[in-house]
Amino acid sequence: MARQSTKPCHQEKFAVKVNLWYAPSHTDCAIHNQHDFLEIHTQVFGQGRMQNFKVKKFDTLYEDLIMTEGYTQIVPFCEVHENQRYTYPWHQYYSDTDCIWMAIEYHPKKNSNQGE
């Protein structure tokens, strides 16, 4: 995963959840940075963007990833820490056109490093 240690500490198991979203064109879908899971996105219909910000303000945009139909992020843009913790930058989804996209969430199973 992104920016994790090069030496694995333990293997984790995840429950996968998929959220299917719709947004009309030119919609800001909320700047946020809190997730207790790994998240990637897939563009299903239309064109949108994953945007990263330095702080929770639109004028601090530093990355603007255009997503066209069929595009899937292959690496989450978070930092992966021990003990099932993830640090995300301020980010949001923005729709250029009417859009459908998926947020694919990998929720860590508690105590997965102990074989449960």
Protein backbone atom coordinates (compact mmCIF):
# COMPACT_ATOMS: atom_id res chain seq x y z
CA MET A 1 0.00 0.00 0.00
CA ALA A 2 0.97 3.63 -0.11
CA ARG A 3 3.82 4.88 2.03
CA GLN A 4 3.91 1.86 4.33
CA SER A 5 6.89 0.12 5.85
CA THR A 6 8.95 -1.96 3.44
CA LYS A 7 9.01 -4.78 6.01
CA PRO A 8 5.58 -6.27 6.80
CA CYS A 9 4.86 -6.60 10.53
CA HIS A 10 1.89 -8.93 10.15
CA GLN A 11 -0.80 -9.95 7.71
CA GLU A 12 -4.22 -8.31 7.97
CA LYS A 13 -7.65 -9.50 6.92
CA PHE A 14 -10.33 -7.13 5.62
CA ALA A 15 -14.07 -7.00 5.10
CA VAL A 16 -14.81 -5.27 1.78
CA LYS A 17 -17.73 -2.84 1.49
CA VAL A 18 -18.77 -1.00 -1.65
CA ASN A 19 -20.67 2.30 -1.71
CA LEU A 20 -22.23 3.35 -5.00
CA TRP A 21 -22.62 7.13 -5.28
CA TYR A 22 -24.35 9.53 -7.67
CA ALA A 23 -23.64 13.25 -7.97
CA PRO A 24 -25.01 15.77 -10.47
CA SER A 25 -22.48 17.73 -12.50
CA HIS A 26 -20.26 20.28 -10.71
CA THR A 27 -20.84 18.87 -7.22
CA ASP A 28 -18.30 19.13 -4.40
CA CYS A 29 -18.79 15.95 -2.35
CA ALA A 30 -17.32 17.18 0.96
CA ILE A 31 -13.69 17.65 1.91
CA HIS A 32 -12.78 15.19 4.66
CA ASN A 33 -9.80 13.24 6.02
CA GLN A 34 -11.23 10.70 8.45
CA HIS A 35 -11.41 6.99 7.59
CA ASP A 36 -10.70 3.96 9.75
CA PHE A 37 -10.35 1.83 6.63
CA LEU A 38 -8.48 1.73 3.31
CA GLU A 39 -10.40 3.29 0.42
CA ILE A 40 -10.04 3.31 -3.36
CA HIS A 41 -12.44 4.67 -5.99
CA THR A 42 -13.79 3.50 -9.35
CA GLN A 43 -15.47 5.76 -11.90
CA VAL A 44 -18.58 3.98 -13.25
CA PHE A 45 -20.27 6.68 -15.34
CA GLY A 46 -19.34 10.24 -16.34
CA GLN A 47 -16.20 12.13 -15.39
CA GLY A 48 -15.11 13.18 -11.93
CA ARG A 49 -12.02 13.90 -9.88
CA MET A 50 -10.34 12.85 -6.68
CA GLN A 51 -8.91 16.01 -5.19
CA ASN A 52 -6.38 16.38 -2.36
CA PHE A 53 -6.00 19.52 -0.26
CA LYS A 54 -3.35 20.81 2.18
CA VAL A 55 -6.06 21.83 4.66
CA LYS A 56 -9.88 21.78 4.64
CA LYS A 57 -10.15 24.70 2.19
CA PHE A 58 -10.82 24.61 -1.56
CA ASP A 59 -8.00 27.07 -2.34
CA THR A 60 -5.38 24.61 -0.98
CA LEU A 61 -5.87 22.03 -3.76
CA TYR A 62 -2.58 20.29 -4.61
CA GLU A 63 -3.68 17.18 -6.53
CA ASP A 64 -6.53 16.86 -9.03
CA LEU A 65 -6.83 13.32 -10.40
CA ILE A 66 -9.25 13.12 -13.36
CA MET A 67 -11.32 9.93 -13.35
CA THR A 68 -13.03 8.78 -16.56
CA GLU A 69 -15.34 5.80 -16.98
CA GLY A 70 -13.63 2.57 -15.96
CA TYR A 71 -10.76 4.21 -14.04
CA THR A 72 -9.87 2.65 -10.68
CA GLN A 73 -7.26 3.86 -8.22
CA ILE A 74 -4.87 0.98 -7.71
CA VAL A 75 -3.20 2.39 -4.58
CA PRO A 76 -4.97 4.20 -1.73
CA PHE A 77 -3.57 7.70 -1.14
CA CYS A 78 -3.23 7.25 2.62
CA GLU A 79 -0.35 6.45 4.92
CA VAL A 80 -0.61 2.98 6.44
CA HIS A 81 0.43 2.62 10.08
CA GLU A 82 0.65 -0.29 12.49
CA ASN A 83 -2.39 -1.36 14.49
CA GLN A 84 -4.85 -0.84 11.63
CA ARG A 85 -4.49 2.94 11.45
CA TYR A 86 -4.58 5.04 8.29
CA THR A 87 -3.83 8.72 7.77
CA TYR A 88 -5.55 10.44 4.83
CA PRO A 89 -4.93 13.89 3.42
CA TRP A 90 -7.88 16.24 3.15
CA HIS A 91 -9.69 15.00 0.04
CA GLN A 92 -12.98 14.95 -1.81
CA TYR A 93 -14.67 13.61 -4.92
CA TYR A 94 -15.79 16.28 -7.42
CA SER A 95 -18.14 15.57 -10.35
CA ASP A 96 -17.40 17.28 -13.68
CA THR A 97 -20.50 15.67 -15.26
CA ASP A 98 -23.41 13.70 -13.84
CA CYS A 99 -21.49 10.85 -12.22
CA ILE A 100 -21.73 7.45 -10.66
CA TRP A 101 -18.67 6.19 -8.80
CA MET A 102 -17.84 3.56 -6.24
CA ALA A 103 -15.97 3.93 -2.99
CA ILE A 104 -14.44 0.52 -2.27
CA GLU A 105 -13.64 0.24 1.43
CA TYR A 106 -11.33 -2.32 3.03
CA HIS A 107 -12.32 -2.49 6.71
CA PRO A 108 -9.70 -4.24 8.85
CA LYS A 109 -11.01 -7.17 10.85
CA LYS A 110 -10.08 -6.61 14.49
CA ASN A 111 -7.31 -8.84 15.81
CA SER A 112 -6.65 -10.10 12.29
CA ASN A 113 -2.97 -10.35 13.10
CA GLN A 114 -3.83 -13.05 15.65
CA GLY A 115 -5.60 -15.28 13.13
CA GLU A 116 -9.14 -14.40 14.21
